[in-house]
Amino acid sequence: MSHILTKNSFAAINLDGVLGACLDLDDTLYAYEPCNRKGYEAVLRRVQDRQIVGAEELEAAWKEARNKTHVQLKGQAASHSRLLYLHSALELIFGKSRPLLALELEDCFWEAYLDAMEWNPEAEQFLQRLNAADIRTCIVTDLTTHIQFRKWARLGLERYFDFMVTSEEAGLEKPDPVIFRLALDKLQLPPEQVIMVGDNHEKDILGAAQSGIRAYLI
């Protein structure tokens, strides 16, 4: 437990002896919920504008489909897939699969989501500190690789990061040690020379600490 540290700002993180840094992506580098809300609202507007289905009906089906997907795919990256949520929700509404509509609505969701993404300025300043100190960097993130790559592109993360590890790539989500071991392998550093920074105590902090990585909760 000595590896777990709580800080309320990036500026307070101690980089003495640090050669590598892992950072969470969602709700660490940017605020997740405003983006998620924009994506969800865009989907509701699309189905209303095209008179595909009522917004209330889709909302109820989305909630049921999301809960079902979380249970079925617990611990897997696909448990967060908006495409699977929509696929299942549309089956609940129409009694059959509507793959093309699911793809259209997923694109609608992520376009609005990505448009709403804005840097946490403290996070960007911290990454500039890391780069100035020649500290190797890796994103360690849950969710599917394709959409996390799109977020990478939206924020221009190639300026600051050497590597990314997704839970889809690792096969298991945080806090499982396998995803942190993969990050260490990419960084080619031992855990005692690496820190982890994230917003989720269980996934980011406890997971990293169990792998011997000093972890900071933001």
Protein backbone atom coordinates (compact mmCIF):
# COMPACT_ATOMS: atom_id res chain seq x y z
CA MET A 1 0.00 0.00 0.00
CA SER A 2 3.03 2.28 0.25
CA HIS A 3 2.88 2.53 -3.53
CA ILE A 4 -0.48 4.36 -3.38
CA LEU A 5 -0.34 8.14 -3.22
CA THR A 6 -3.17 10.66 -3.44
CA LYS A 7 -2.56 14.06 -4.99
CA ASN A 8 -5.14 16.62 -5.99
CA SER A 9 -3.04 18.13 -8.77
CA PHE A 10 -0.61 16.98 -11.44
CA ALA A 11 1.86 19.62 -10.33
CA ALA A 12 2.32 17.86 -6.96
CA ILE A 13 3.55 14.60 -8.50
CA ASN A 14 7.16 13.79 -7.60
CA LEU A 15 9.27 12.74 -10.60
CA ASP A 16 12.49 11.99 -8.68
CA GLY A 17 13.92 8.72 -9.95
CA VAL A 18 11.10 8.28 -12.48
CA LEU A 19 12.07 6.99 -15.92
CA GLY A 20 8.61 6.01 -17.14
CA ALA A 21 5.06 7.23 -16.65
CA CYS A 22 1.75 5.50 -17.37
CA LEU A 23 -1.41 7.58 -17.56
CA ASP A 24 -5.07 6.77 -17.84
CA LEU A 25 -6.87 8.45 -20.73
CA ASP A 26 -10.58 8.92 -19.98
CA ASP A 27 -11.32 11.38 -17.18
CA THR A 28 -7.60 11.95 -16.66
CA LEU A 29 -6.46 13.77 -19.79
CA TYR A 30 -9.94 15.17 -20.50
CA ALA A 31 -13.41 15.17 -18.89
CA TYR A 32 -15.30 12.04 -19.95
CA GLU A 33 -18.90 12.75 -18.93
CA PRO A 34 -19.55 15.92 -20.98
CA CYS A 35 -18.32 14.09 -24.09
CA ASN A 36 -20.36 10.98 -23.34
CA ARG A 37 -23.47 13.14 -22.84
CA LYS A 38 -22.92 14.95 -26.16
CA GLY A 39 -22.60 11.65 -27.98
CA TYR A 40 -25.71 10.21 -26.39
CA GLU A 41 -27.75 13.36 -27.11
CA ALA A 42 -26.62 13.32 -30.74
CA VAL A 43 -27.96 9.77 -31.15
CA LEU A 44 -31.30 10.71 -29.60
CA ARG A 45 -31.60 13.70 -31.95
CA ARG A 46 -30.76 11.54 -34.96
CA VAL A 47 -33.49 8.96 -34.29
CA GLN A 48 -36.01 11.72 -33.58
CA ASP A 49 -35.13 13.76 -36.66
CA ARG A 50 -35.40 10.71 -38.90
CA GLN A 51 -38.48 9.43 -37.04
CA ILE A 52 -36.81 6.05 -36.56
CA VAL A 53 -37.96 5.57 -32.99
CA GLY A 54 -39.01 7.74 -30.06
CA ALA A 55 -36.24 9.10 -27.85
CA GLU A 56 -37.78 7.65 -24.68
CA GLU A 57 -38.06 4.20 -26.24
CA LEU A 58 -34.43 4.29 -27.36
CA GLU A 59 -33.29 5.55 -23.96
CA ALA A 60 -35.00 2.64 -22.19
CA ALA A 61 -33.64 0.10 -24.68
CA TRP A 62 -30.12 1.63 -24.51
CA LYS A 63 -30.08 1.32 -20.71
CA GLU A 64 -31.22 -2.30 -20.81
CA ALA A 65 -28.76 -3.17 -23.58
CA ARG A 66 -25.85 -1.48 -21.79
CA ASN A 67 -26.54 -3.35 -18.55
CA LYS A 68 -26.83 -6.64 -20.45
CA THR A 69 -23.56 -6.03 -22.28
CA HIS A 70 -21.74 -5.12 -19.07
CA VAL A 71 -22.83 -8.39 -17.47
CA GLN A 72 -22.12 -10.58 -20.51
CA LEU A 73 -18.69 -9.07 -21.22
CA LYS A 74 -17.54 -8.10 -17.74
CA GLY A 75 -13.80 -7.46 -17.64
CA GLN A 76 -13.52 -7.16 -21.43
CA ALA A 77 -12.96 -4.05 -23.53
CA ALA A 78 -16.10 -4.73 -25.56
CA SER A 79 -18.25 -4.27 -22.46
CA HIS A 80 -18.02 -0.52 -23.21
CA SER A 81 -18.81 -0.81 -26.93
CA ARG A 82 -21.43 1.70 -28.03
CA LEU A 83 -21.90 -0.39 -31.16
CA LEU A 84 -22.90 -3.39 -29.06
CA TYR A 85 -25.20 -1.22 -26.93
CA LEU A 86 -26.94 0.05 -30.05
CA HIS A 87 -27.03 -3.37 -31.73
CA SER A 88 -28.75 -4.90 -28.71
CA ALA A 89 -31.03 -1.88 -28.15
CA LEU A 90 -32.27 -1.94 -31.74
CA GLU A 91 -32.97 -5.67 -31.47
CA LEU A 92 -35.07 -4.97 -28.39
CA ILE A 93 -37.03 -2.28 -30.26
CA PHE A 94 -37.47 -3.90 -33.68
CA GLY A 95 -37.31 -7.60 -32.83
CA LYS A 96 -34.49 -8.14 -35.32
CA SER A 97 -30.96 -6.97 -36.02
CA ARG A 98 -30.43 -3.59 -37.71
CA PRO A 99 -26.64 -3.59 -38.33
CA LEU A 100 -26.53 -0.66 -40.77
CA LEU A 101 -28.57 1.54 -38.45
CA ALA A 102 -26.41 0.51 -35.51
CA LEU A 103 -23.29 1.52 -37.46
CA GLU A 104 -24.83 4.86 -38.43
CA LEU A 105 -25.81 5.68 -34.85
CA GLU A 106 -22.44 4.60 -33.48
CA ASP A 107 -20.72 6.98 -35.93
CA CYS A 108 -23.13 9.70 -34.82
CA PHE A 109 -22.26 9.06 -31.17
CA TRP A 110 -18.50 9.14 -31.57
CA GLU A 111 -18.43 12.14 -33.91
CA ALA A 112 -20.26 14.23 -31.32
CA TYR A 113 -18.17 12.76 -28.49
CA LEU A 114 -14.85 13.53 -30.17
CA ASP A 115 -15.96 17.04 -31.13
CA ALA A 116 -16.60 17.76 -27.44
CA MET A 117 -13.19 16.58 -26.18
CA GLU A 118 -11.00 19.25 -24.59
CA TRP A 119 -7.67 18.91 -22.83
CA ASN A 120 -7.39 19.07 -19.07
CA PRO A 121 -4.81 21.89 -19.09
CA GLU A 122 -3.05 20.58 -15.95
CA ALA A 123 -2.67 17.19 -17.62
CA GLU A 124 -1.09 18.73 -20.71
CA GLN A 125 1.32 20.76 -18.58
CA PHE A 126 2.28 17.59 -16.72
CA LEU A 127 2.96 15.78 -20.00
CA GLN A 128 5.19 18.66 -21.05
CA ARG A 129 7.11 18.15 -17.79
CA LEU A 130 7.52 14.47 -18.58
CA ASN A 131 8.75 15.14 -22.10
CA ALA A 132 11.20 17.79 -20.91
CA ALA A 133 12.65 15.26 -18.47
CA ASP A 134 12.92 12.56 -21.19
CA ILE A 135 10.56 10.31 -19.24
CA ARG A 136 9.06 7.55 -21.39
CA THR A 137 5.28 7.57 -21.50
CA CYS A 138 2.46 5.10 -22.05
CA ILE A 139 -1.33 5.40 -21.96
CA VAL A 140 -2.98 2.51 -20.09
CA THR A 141 -6.66 2.52 -20.92
CA ASP A 142 -9.78 0.38 -20.96
CA LEU A 143 -12.10 0.20 -24.00
CA THR A 144 -11.58 -0.95 -27.57
CA THR A 145 -8.46 -0.03 -29.49
CA HIS A 146 -10.14 1.64 -32.47
CA ILE A 147 -11.96 4.33 -30.51
CA GLN A 148 -9.02 4.94 -28.17
CA PHE A 149 -6.87 5.51 -31.26
CA ARG A 150 -9.44 8.05 -32.47
CA LYS A 151 -9.19 9.84 -29.11
CA TRP A 152 -5.40 9.74 -29.47
CA ALA A 153 -5.76 11.47 -32.85
CA ARG A 154 -8.30 14.01 -31.54
CA LEU A 155 -6.01 15.17 -28.73
CA GLY A 156 -2.79 14.83 -30.74
CA LEU A 157 -1.26 12.49 -28.18
CA GLU A 158 1.68 11.58 -30.41
CA ARG A 159 3.24 14.82 -29.13
CA TYR A 160 3.46 13.40 -25.63
CA PHE A 161 3.24 9.61 -25.62
CA ASP A 162 5.51 6.83 -26.77
CA PHE A 163 3.04 3.96 -26.33
CA MET A 164 -0.57 3.01 -25.71
CA VAL A 165 -1.96 -0.15 -24.12
CA THR A 166 -5.68 -0.85 -24.41
CA SER A 167 -7.65 -3.46 -22.51
CA GLU A 168 -8.66 -4.97 -25.86
CA GLU A 169 -4.99 -5.45 -26.68
CA ALA A 170 -4.18 -6.85 -23.24
CA GLY A 171 -7.25 -9.11 -23.15
CA LEU A 172 -8.29 -7.91 -19.69
CA GLU A 173 -9.24 -4.58 -18.13
CA LYS A 174 -7.65 -2.67 -15.31
CA PRO A 175 -7.01 -3.45 -12.48
CA ASP A 176 -5.78 -6.82 -13.79
CA PRO A 177 -1.96 -6.91 -13.59
CA VAL A 178 -1.64 -8.13 -17.19
CA ILE A 179 -2.39 -4.69 -18.63
CA PHE A 180 0.23 -3.03 -16.41
CA ARG A 181 2.81 -5.72 -17.23
CA LEU A 182 2.24 -5.06 -20.92
CA ALA A 183 2.85 -1.35 -20.35
CA LEU A 184 6.09 -2.12 -18.48
CA ASP A 185 7.19 -4.41 -21.32
CA LYS A 186 6.61 -1.63 -23.85
CA LEU A 187 8.45 0.92 -21.71
CA GLN A 188 11.22 -1.64 -21.04
CA LEU A 189 11.43 -0.48 -17.45
CA PRO A 190 11.06 -2.14 -14.03
CA PRO A 191 8.03 -1.11 -11.94
CA GLU A 192 10.08 0.78 -9.36
CA GLN A 193 11.13 3.29 -12.04
CA VAL A 194 7.57 3.88 -13.31
CA ILE A 195 4.57 5.81 -12.00
CA MET A 196 0.87 5.51 -12.84
CA VAL A 197 -1.51 8.48 -12.85
CA GLY A 198 -5.27 8.10 -13.07
CA ASP A 199 -8.68 9.06 -11.71
CA ASN A 200 -10.05 5.66 -10.66
CA HIS A 201 -8.89 4.34 -7.30
CA GLU A 202 -9.63 0.68 -7.97
CA LYS A 203 -8.66 0.42 -11.62
CA ASP A 204 -5.74 2.83 -11.90
CA ILE A 205 -4.33 3.07 -8.41
CA LEU A 206 -4.83 -0.34 -6.80
CA GLY A 207 -4.14 -2.08 -10.11
CA ALA A 208 -0.82 -0.32 -10.57
CA ALA A 209 0.17 -0.69 -6.91
CA GLN A 210 -0.41 -4.45 -7.10
CA SER A 211 2.15 -4.50 -9.90
CA GLY A 212 4.69 -2.57 -7.82
CA ILE A 213 4.10 0.74 -9.61
CA ARG A 214 3.88 3.95 -7.58
CA ALA A 215 0.41 5.32 -8.33
CA TYR A 216 -1.04 8.81 -8.05
CA LEU A 217 -4.78 9.44 -7.82
CA ILE A 218 -5.85 12.65 -9.55
